[in-house]
């Protein structure tokens, strides 16, 4: 990995690290991992390659930091979803969070975790492994939440937490792909409403009074 010149050690950075990382996140979000060149990244961040390497490491390390930024910011809906008191609220918060994140004006449409995964080459193997790990961890958190719901009686004993987690993440990924392909917020919200109306059939749980 290229190292910053010895003469730069100890000098204050002439840029805002958080703002530069936000710009890198948006660039990866819009162009994908392989589509975002170093020139694209440094141009968006307003810094030189030397400054990028010194502050963030190489492109793959920058991508890892950008993904963390995305998970803590635009994609924080997932963390909120698993804290909801019922499985229906989990599903609603998760799916509406996907729609909100993927259709915000002034930001790339679609999901960074989906957009950055395509295409794939040997040079991008580390980035793709990272994304697979992030998606797997997301699904496992949902599995654990749905298992808790079984234990607490919010889901029937015969419910399959793994299948429910895969179902929810698959619908979420589909929403993100549709957003990237130009679907409007209203169109995607219609998909969410359809999914939520069938939630009791999918889970085997009785519909709540509020949403019956």
Protein backbone atom coordinates (compact mmCIF):
# COMPACT_ATOMS: atom_id res chain seq x y z
CA UNK A 1 0.00 0.00 0.00
CA UNK A 2 1.42 3.41 -0.92
CA UNK A 3 2.66 5.33 2.08
CA UNK A 4 2.39 9.01 2.71
CA UNK A 5 5.65 10.90 2.25
CA UNK A 6 7.71 11.20 5.41
CA UNK A 7 7.59 14.95 5.16
CA UNK A 8 3.84 15.01 5.69
CA UNK A 9 3.93 13.26 9.07
CA UNK A 10 2.65 15.53 11.81
CA UNK A 11 1.18 18.12 9.47
CA UNK A 12 -2.46 19.03 10.06
CA UNK A 13 -4.76 17.83 7.30
CA UNK A 14 -6.09 20.61 5.12
CA UNK A 15 -9.52 19.01 4.74
CA UNK A 16 -12.42 17.78 6.84
CA UNK A 17 -12.08 14.01 7.19
CA UNK A 18 -15.78 13.45 7.85
CA UNK A 19 -16.84 15.48 4.83
CA UNK A 20 -14.32 13.69 2.63
CA UNK A 21 -15.56 10.30 3.82
CA UNK A 22 -19.16 11.33 3.14
CA UNK A 23 -18.14 12.28 -0.39
CA UNK A 24 -16.39 8.94 -0.87
CA UNK A 25 -19.48 7.12 0.40
CA UNK A 26 -21.69 8.93 -2.10
CA UNK A 27 -19.27 8.17 -4.93
CA UNK A 28 -19.18 4.44 -4.14
CA UNK A 29 -22.96 4.53 -3.73
CA UNK A 30 -23.44 6.08 -7.15
CA UNK A 31 -20.74 4.27 -9.13
CA UNK A 32 -20.19 1.01 -7.27
CA UNK A 33 -16.85 -0.21 -5.98
CA UNK A 34 -15.28 -1.02 -9.33
CA UNK A 35 -16.90 1.88 -11.14
CA UNK A 36 -15.43 4.42 -8.73
CA UNK A 37 -11.89 5.21 -9.87
CA UNK A 38 -9.29 6.85 -7.68
CA UNK A 39 -9.72 9.98 -9.78
CA UNK A 40 -13.48 9.90 -9.16
CA UNK A 41 -12.94 9.46 -5.43
CA UNK A 42 -10.25 12.07 -4.90
CA UNK A 43 -12.11 14.52 -7.13
CA UNK A 44 -15.29 14.13 -5.10
CA UNK A 45 -13.36 14.31 -1.83
CA UNK A 46 -11.39 17.36 -2.96
CA UNK A 47 -8.03 15.85 -1.99
CA UNK A 48 -4.96 14.36 -3.63
CA UNK A 49 -4.20 10.66 -3.84
CA UNK A 50 -1.37 11.16 -1.35
CA UNK A 51 -3.79 12.72 1.14
CA UNK A 52 -6.30 9.92 0.55
CA UNK A 53 -3.73 7.22 1.25
CA UNK A 54 -2.47 9.04 4.33
CA UNK A 55 -5.93 9.57 5.81
CA UNK A 56 -7.86 6.49 4.69
CA UNK A 57 -5.48 3.90 3.26
CA UNK A 58 -5.93 2.33 -0.16
CA UNK A 59 -9.17 2.13 -2.14
CA UNK A 60 -10.38 -1.03 -0.40
CA UNK A 61 -9.72 0.43 3.05
CA UNK A 62 -11.52 3.62 2.05
CA UNK A 63 -14.44 1.51 0.88
CA UNK A 64 -14.61 -0.29 4.22
CA UNK A 65 -14.78 3.05 6.01
CA UNK A 66 -17.43 4.28 3.56
CA UNK A 67 -19.54 1.17 4.17
CA UNK A 68 -19.31 1.73 7.93
CA UNK A 69 -20.40 5.31 7.34
CA UNK A 70 -23.35 4.11 5.29
CA UNK A 71 -24.43 1.59 7.93
CA UNK A 72 -24.23 4.17 10.70
CA UNK A 73 -26.07 6.81 8.66
CA UNK A 74 -28.38 6.14 5.69
CA UNK A 75 -28.80 2.44 6.52
CA UNK A 76 -29.27 2.87 10.28
CA UNK A 77 -32.92 1.86 9.81
CA UNK A 78 -31.90 -1.77 10.22
CA UNK A 79 -30.60 -1.20 13.74
CA UNK A 80 -33.82 0.63 14.57
CA UNK A 81 -35.94 -2.14 13.06
CA UNK A 82 -34.63 -4.95 15.25
CA UNK A 83 -35.41 -2.87 18.35
CA UNK A 84 -39.11 -2.64 17.48
CA UNK A 85 -41.47 -4.41 19.92
CA UNK A 86 -43.31 -6.58 17.38
CA UNK A 87 -42.26 -8.49 14.27
CA UNK A 88 -44.70 -6.52 12.17
CA UNK A 89 -43.13 -3.29 13.36
CA UNK A 90 -39.72 -4.80 12.59
CA UNK A 91 -40.82 -5.48 9.02
CA UNK A 92 -42.45 -2.08 8.56
CA UNK A 93 -39.48 -0.12 9.93
CA UNK A 94 -37.06 -2.17 7.83
CA UNK A 95 -38.96 -1.85 4.55
CA UNK A 96 -39.90 1.81 4.96
CA UNK A 97 -36.28 2.47 5.87
CA UNK A 98 -35.17 0.89 2.60
CA UNK A 99 -37.58 3.07 0.63
CA UNK A 100 -36.56 6.23 2.47
CA UNK A 101 -32.84 5.55 2.03
CA UNK A 102 -33.03 4.60 -1.64
CA UNK A 103 -35.25 7.45 -2.85
CA UNK A 104 -33.92 10.53 -1.04
CA UNK A 105 -33.64 13.61 -3.32
CA UNK A 106 -30.06 14.68 -3.85
CA UNK A 107 -28.61 11.24 -3.09
CA UNK A 108 -27.96 8.22 -5.30
CA UNK A 109 -30.97 5.97 -5.66
CA UNK A 110 -30.65 2.32 -4.78
CA UNK A 111 -28.58 0.75 -2.00
CA UNK A 112 -24.82 1.10 -1.69
CA UNK A 113 -24.56 -2.50 -0.46
CA UNK A 114 -26.34 -3.72 -3.59
CA UNK A 115 -24.97 -1.24 -6.12
CA UNK A 116 -21.36 -1.75 -5.09
CA UNK A 117 -21.62 -5.53 -5.42
CA UNK A 118 -21.86 -5.53 -9.22
CA UNK A 119 -19.94 -6.38 -11.29
CA UNK A 120 -17.30 -8.57 -9.65
CA UNK A 121 -13.65 -9.13 -10.58
CA UNK A 122 -10.64 -10.63 -8.85
CA UNK A 123 -9.31 -7.15 -8.06
CA UNK A 124 -12.47 -6.39 -6.11
CA UNK A 125 -12.67 -9.68 -4.22
CA UNK A 126 -11.95 -8.07 -0.85
CA UNK A 127 -14.72 -5.51 -1.30
CA UNK A 128 -17.21 -8.14 -2.39
CA UNK A 129 -16.30 -10.37 0.53
CA UNK A 130 -16.92 -7.40 2.81
CA UNK A 131 -20.36 -6.80 1.30
CA UNK A 132 -21.32 -10.45 1.58
CA UNK A 133 -20.31 -10.35 5.22
CA UNK A 134 -22.36 -7.20 5.87
CA UNK A 135 -25.45 -8.66 4.21
CA UNK A 136 -25.02 -11.94 6.08
CA UNK A 137 -24.66 -10.11 9.41
CA UNK A 138 -27.81 -8.11 8.66
CA UNK A 139 -29.76 -11.27 7.97
CA UNK A 140 -28.45 -12.95 11.10
CA UNK A 141 -29.59 -10.02 13.24
CA UNK A 142 -33.06 -10.42 11.79
CA UNK A 143 -32.94 -14.18 12.39
CA UNK A 144 -32.08 -13.54 16.05
CA UNK A 145 -34.89 -10.98 16.35
CA UNK A 146 -37.44 -13.35 14.84
CA UNK A 147 -36.23 -16.19 17.06
CA UNK A 148 -36.79 -13.92 20.04
CA UNK A 149 -40.29 -13.29 18.75
CA UNK A 150 -40.91 -17.05 18.68
CA UNK A 151 -39.62 -17.37 22.23
CA UNK A 152 -41.83 -14.48 23.38
CA UNK A 153 -44.93 -15.72 21.58
CA UNK A 154 -45.10 -12.88 19.03
CA UNK A 155 -44.55 -15.52 16.34
CA UNK A 156 -46.02 -19.04 16.38
CA UNK A 157 -43.74 -21.85 17.51
CA UNK A 158 -43.63 -23.30 14.00
CA UNK A 159 -42.39 -20.04 12.42
CA UNK A 160 -39.02 -20.24 10.64
CA UNK A 161 -36.87 -17.23 11.65
CA UNK A 162 -34.29 -17.96 8.95
CA UNK A 163 -36.91 -18.06 6.19
CA UNK A 164 -38.57 -14.88 7.47
CA UNK A 165 -35.24 -13.04 7.58
CA UNK A 166 -34.45 -14.13 4.01
CA UNK A 167 -37.91 -13.09 2.88
CA UNK A 168 -37.59 -9.63 4.41
CA UNK A 169 -34.09 -8.99 3.11
CA UNK A 170 -35.07 -10.25 -0.35
CA UNK A 171 -37.99 -7.82 -0.50
CA UNK A 172 -35.69 -5.06 0.75
CA UNK A 173 -33.08 -5.81 -1.93
CA UNK A 174 -35.80 -5.83 -4.56
CA UNK A 175 -37.00 -2.42 -3.44
CA UNK A 176 -33.44 -1.09 -3.68
CA UNK A 177 -32.96 -2.48 -7.20
CA UNK A 178 -36.27 -1.00 -8.32
CA UNK A 179 -35.26 2.37 -6.84
CA UNK A 180 -31.98 2.25 -8.76
CA UNK A 181 -33.95 1.48 -11.92
CA UNK A 182 -36.10 4.57 -11.50
CA UNK A 183 -39.11 3.44 -9.48
CA UNK A 184 -40.66 6.32 -7.57
CA UNK A 185 -41.07 6.54 -3.83
CA UNK A 186 -44.83 6.21 -4.23
CA UNK A 187 -44.45 3.05 -6.30
CA UNK A 188 -42.13 1.47 -3.76
CA UNK A 189 -44.38 2.47 -0.86
CA UNK A 190 -47.13 0.57 -2.68
CA UNK A 191 -44.95 -2.55 -2.63
CA UNK A 192 -44.36 -2.06 1.09
CA UNK A 193 -48.08 -1.76 1.74
CA UNK A 194 -48.75 -4.96 -0.22
CA UNK A 195 -46.04 -6.78 1.72
CA UNK A 196 -47.36 -5.60 5.07
CA UNK A 197 -50.92 -6.59 4.20
CA UNK A 198 -49.72 -10.15 3.63
CA UNK A 199 -47.40 -10.17 6.67
CA UNK A 200 -49.68 -12.26 8.89
CA UNK A 201 -49.97 -14.88 6.12
CA UNK A 202 -46.20 -14.96 5.68
CA UNK A 203 -45.41 -15.23 9.38
CA UNK A 204 -48.39 -17.30 10.49
CA UNK A 205 -49.03 -14.73 13.19
CA UNK A 206 -52.45 -13.27 13.90
CA UNK A 207 -52.77 -9.69 12.61
CA UNK A 208 -52.67 -7.02 15.29
CA UNK A 209 -55.83 -5.01 15.99
CA UNK A 210 -54.11 -1.89 14.71
CA UNK A 211 -53.22 -3.37 11.34
CA UNK A 212 -55.88 -6.05 10.84
